[in-house]
Amino acid sequence: MRALASAIMPLTAAGFGQGVGPSTVGELNDALKNDFGARAVRYSLLSAAVMTTVGACRHAAAPPRRSRPRGCM
């Protein structure tokens, strides 16, 4: 079971990172095109970088996970 989880986690991360990420940035680029013109690419890629940084900071600031009580699996 641990090996299956170790295989599924990178597959899921790669699927979101290479599948959902570029299409989201592209849709954001299309939405910003009317307001910013050629600079829309810059802002849509910047938003992806900012959101990644925000997520990493929130992950780092999260409280540590509590250990399980005895008797639980």
N, C-alpha and C. Protein backbone atom coordinates (compact mmCIF):
# COMPACT_ATOMS: atom_id res chain seq x y z
N MET A 1 0.82 -1.18 0.00
CA MET A 1 0.00 0.00 0.00
C MET A 1 0.87 1.26 0.00
N ARG A 2 1.98 1.24 0.70
CA ARG A 2 2.86 2.38 0.74
C ARG A 2 3.49 2.64 -0.62
N ALA A 3 3.81 1.56 -1.34
CA ALA A 3 4.40 1.72 -2.67
C ALA A 3 3.37 2.31 -3.64
N LEU A 4 2.13 1.89 -3.51
CA LEU A 4 1.09 2.43 -4.38
C LEU A 4 0.91 3.93 -4.13
N ALA A 5 0.90 4.32 -2.88
CA ALA A 5 0.77 5.74 -2.56
C ALA A 5 1.98 6.52 -3.06
N SER A 6 3.16 5.92 -2.96
CA SER A 6 4.36 6.58 -3.45
C SER A 6 4.35 6.72 -4.96
N ALA A 7 3.64 5.87 -5.65
CA ALA A 7 3.54 5.97 -7.10
C ALA A 7 2.44 6.95 -7.52
N ILE A 8 1.36 6.99 -6.78
CA ILE A 8 0.23 7.83 -7.16
C ILE A 8 0.51 9.30 -6.89
N MET A 9 1.22 9.61 -5.82
CA MET A 9 1.45 11.03 -5.49
C MET A 9 2.24 11.77 -6.57
N PRO A 10 3.37 11.25 -7.07
CA PRO A 10 4.05 11.99 -8.15
C PRO A 10 3.24 12.03 -9.44
N LEU A 11 2.47 10.98 -9.70
CA LEU A 11 1.64 10.98 -10.90
C LEU A 11 0.59 12.08 -10.83
N THR A 12 -0.03 12.24 -9.67
CA THR A 12 -1.03 13.29 -9.49
C THR A 12 -0.39 14.67 -9.57
N ALA A 13 0.76 14.83 -8.93
CA ALA A 13 1.44 16.12 -8.97
C ALA A 13 1.86 16.49 -10.39
N ALA A 14 2.34 15.52 -11.14
CA ALA A 14 2.73 15.79 -12.53
C ALA A 14 1.51 16.09 -13.38
N GLY A 15 0.40 15.40 -13.12
CA GLY A 15 -0.81 15.66 -13.89
C GLY A 15 -1.33 17.06 -13.68
N PHE A 16 -1.32 17.53 -12.44
CA PHE A 16 -1.76 18.90 -12.18
C PHE A 16 -0.73 19.91 -12.68
N GLY A 17 0.54 19.63 -12.46
CA GLY A 17 1.58 20.58 -12.84
C GLY A 17 1.73 20.74 -14.33
N GLN A 18 1.59 19.67 -15.08
CA GLN A 18 1.77 19.74 -16.53
C GLN A 18 0.46 19.79 -17.29
N GLY A 19 -0.64 19.48 -16.64
CA GLY A 19 -1.91 19.48 -17.33
C GLY A 19 -2.78 20.68 -17.00
N VAL A 20 -3.01 20.90 -15.72
CA VAL A 20 -3.91 21.97 -15.30
C VAL A 20 -3.20 23.32 -15.29
N GLY A 21 -1.94 23.35 -14.90
CA GLY A 21 -1.21 24.61 -14.78
C GLY A 21 -1.12 25.41 -16.08
N PRO A 22 -0.60 24.82 -17.16
CA PRO A 22 -0.50 25.60 -18.41
C PRO A 22 -1.85 26.04 -18.97
N SER A 23 -2.86 25.19 -18.86
CA SER A 23 -4.17 25.59 -19.38
C SER A 23 -4.77 26.72 -18.55
N THR A 24 -4.54 26.71 -17.24
CA THR A 24 -5.03 27.80 -16.39
C THR A 24 -4.32 29.11 -16.71
N VAL A 25 -3.01 29.04 -16.90
CA VAL A 25 -2.25 30.25 -17.26
C VAL A 25 -2.70 30.75 -18.62
N GLY A 26 -2.97 29.85 -19.56
CA GLY A 26 -3.45 30.26 -20.87
C GLY A 26 -4.81 30.92 -20.82
N GLU A 27 -5.72 30.37 -20.01
CA GLU A 27 -7.04 30.99 -19.87
C GLU A 27 -6.95 32.36 -19.21
N LEU A 28 -6.07 32.47 -18.21
CA LEU A 28 -5.86 33.76 -17.57
C LEU A 28 -5.26 34.76 -18.55
N ASN A 29 -4.36 34.29 -19.40
CA ASN A 29 -3.76 35.14 -20.41
C ASN A 29 -4.83 35.66 -21.37
N ASP A 30 -5.73 34.79 -21.80
CA ASP A 30 -6.81 35.22 -22.68
C ASP A 30 -7.73 36.22 -22.00
N ALA A 31 -7.98 36.04 -20.71
CA ALA A 31 -8.85 36.96 -19.98
C ALA A 31 -8.20 38.33 -19.80
N LEU A 32 -6.89 38.35 -19.64
CA LEU A 32 -6.19 39.62 -19.41
C LEU A 32 -5.78 40.31 -20.71
N LYS A 33 -5.95 39.65 -21.84
CA LYS A 33 -5.48 40.17 -23.12
C LYS A 33 -6.12 41.50 -23.49
N ASN A 34 -7.41 41.66 -23.23
CA ASN A 34 -8.09 42.91 -23.58
C ASN A 34 -7.60 44.09 -22.75
N ASP A 35 -7.26 43.83 -21.49
CA ASP A 35 -6.83 44.93 -20.62
C ASP A 35 -5.35 45.27 -20.76
N PHE A 36 -4.50 44.25 -20.94
CA PHE A 36 -3.06 44.49 -20.89
C PHE A 36 -2.35 44.26 -22.22
N GLY A 37 -3.01 43.74 -23.22
CA GLY A 37 -2.39 43.53 -24.53
C GLY A 37 -1.27 42.51 -24.47
N ALA A 38 -0.11 42.91 -24.98
CA ALA A 38 1.04 41.99 -25.04
C ALA A 38 1.62 41.70 -23.65
N ARG A 39 1.34 42.57 -22.69
CA ARG A 39 1.86 42.34 -21.33
C ARG A 39 1.05 41.31 -20.56
N ALA A 40 -0.04 40.81 -21.14
CA ALA A 40 -0.88 39.83 -20.45
C ALA A 40 -0.12 38.54 -20.17
N VAL A 41 0.79 38.17 -21.05
CA VAL A 41 1.59 36.95 -20.83
C VAL A 41 2.44 37.11 -19.57
N ARG A 42 3.02 38.28 -19.42
CA ARG A 42 3.85 38.55 -18.25
C ARG A 42 3.06 38.41 -16.96
N TYR A 43 1.87 39.00 -16.94
CA TYR A 43 1.08 38.99 -15.72
C TYR A 43 0.47 37.61 -15.42
N SER A 44 0.12 36.87 -16.46
CA SER A 44 -0.44 35.54 -16.20
C SER A 44 0.64 34.59 -15.68
N LEU A 45 1.85 34.67 -16.20
CA LEU A 45 2.94 33.84 -15.67
C LEU A 45 3.36 34.30 -14.28
N LEU A 46 3.32 35.60 -14.05
CA LEU A 46 3.64 36.13 -12.72
C LEU A 46 2.64 35.65 -11.69
N SER A 47 1.37 35.57 -12.07
CA SER A 47 0.35 35.11 -11.12
C SER A 47 0.60 33.65 -10.73
N ALA A 48 1.07 32.83 -11.67
CA ALA A 48 1.39 31.43 -11.34
C ALA A 48 2.54 31.37 -10.35
N ALA A 49 3.56 32.19 -10.56
CA ALA A 49 4.70 32.20 -9.65
C ALA A 49 4.30 32.71 -8.26
N VAL A 50 3.46 33.73 -8.22
CA VAL A 50 3.02 34.29 -6.93
C VAL A 50 2.19 33.27 -6.17
N MET A 51 1.28 32.59 -6.85
CA MET A 51 0.43 31.62 -6.17
C MET A 51 1.26 30.43 -5.66
N THR A 52 2.28 30.03 -6.39
CA THR A 52 3.17 28.96 -5.91
C THR A 52 3.90 29.41 -4.65
N THR A 53 4.38 30.64 -4.65
CA THR A 53 5.09 31.17 -3.49
C THR A 53 4.15 31.29 -2.28
N VAL A 54 2.93 31.74 -2.50
CA VAL A 54 1.96 31.84 -1.41
C VAL A 54 1.66 30.46 -0.84
N GLY A 55 1.48 29.48 -1.70
CA GLY A 55 1.23 28.12 -1.23
C GLY A 55 2.39 27.56 -0.43
N ALA A 56 3.62 27.82 -0.88
CA ALA A 56 4.79 27.34 -0.15
C ALA A 56 4.91 28.02 1.21
N CYS A 57 4.62 29.30 1.28
CA CYS A 57 4.68 30.02 2.56
C CYS A 57 3.61 29.52 3.53
N ARG A 58 2.42 29.26 3.01
CA ARG A 58 1.36 28.73 3.87
C ARG A 58 1.71 27.34 4.37
N HIS A 59 2.34 26.54 3.51
CA HIS A 59 2.76 25.20 3.92
C HIS A 59 3.83 25.28 5.01
N ALA A 60 4.76 26.20 4.84
CA ALA A 60 5.83 26.34 5.83
C ALA A 60 5.31 26.88 7.16
N ALA A 61 4.26 27.70 7.12
CA ALA A 61 3.73 28.30 8.34
C ALA A 61 2.70 27.42 9.04
N ALA A 62 2.33 26.31 8.44
CA ALA A 62 1.31 25.44 9.04
C ALA A 62 1.83 24.82 10.33
N PRO A 63 0.95 24.60 11.28
CA PRO A 63 1.40 23.97 12.53
C PRO A 63 1.80 22.52 12.28
N PRO A 64 2.70 21.99 13.08
CA PRO A 64 3.12 20.61 12.89
C PRO A 64 1.97 19.63 13.10
N ARG A 65 2.05 18.53 12.43
CA ARG A 65 1.00 17.52 12.54
C ARG A 65 1.11 16.80 13.87
N ARG A 66 -0.03 16.60 14.50
CA ARG A 66 -0.03 15.89 15.77
C ARG A 66 0.14 14.40 15.53
N SER A 67 0.80 13.73 16.44
CA SER A 67 0.96 12.29 16.31
C SER A 67 -0.34 11.59 16.68
N ARG A 68 -0.50 10.40 16.20
CA ARG A 68 -1.71 9.63 16.48
C ARG A 68 -1.69 9.10 17.90
N PRO A 69 -2.84 9.00 18.52
CA PRO A 69 -2.87 8.41 19.87
C PRO A 69 -2.57 6.91 19.80
N ARG A 70 -2.12 6.38 20.89
CA ARG A 70 -1.79 4.95 20.91
C ARG A 70 -3.03 4.10 20.68
N GLY A 71 -2.82 3.00 19.99
CA GLY A 71 -3.92 2.10 19.71
C GLY A 71 -4.51 2.31 18.33
N CYS A 72 -4.19 3.41 17.67
CA CYS A 72 -4.69 3.65 16.31
C CYS A 72 -3.66 3.14 15.31
N MET A 73 -4.13 2.75 14.18
CA MET A 73 -3.23 2.24 13.14
C MET A 73 -2.63 3.35 12.34
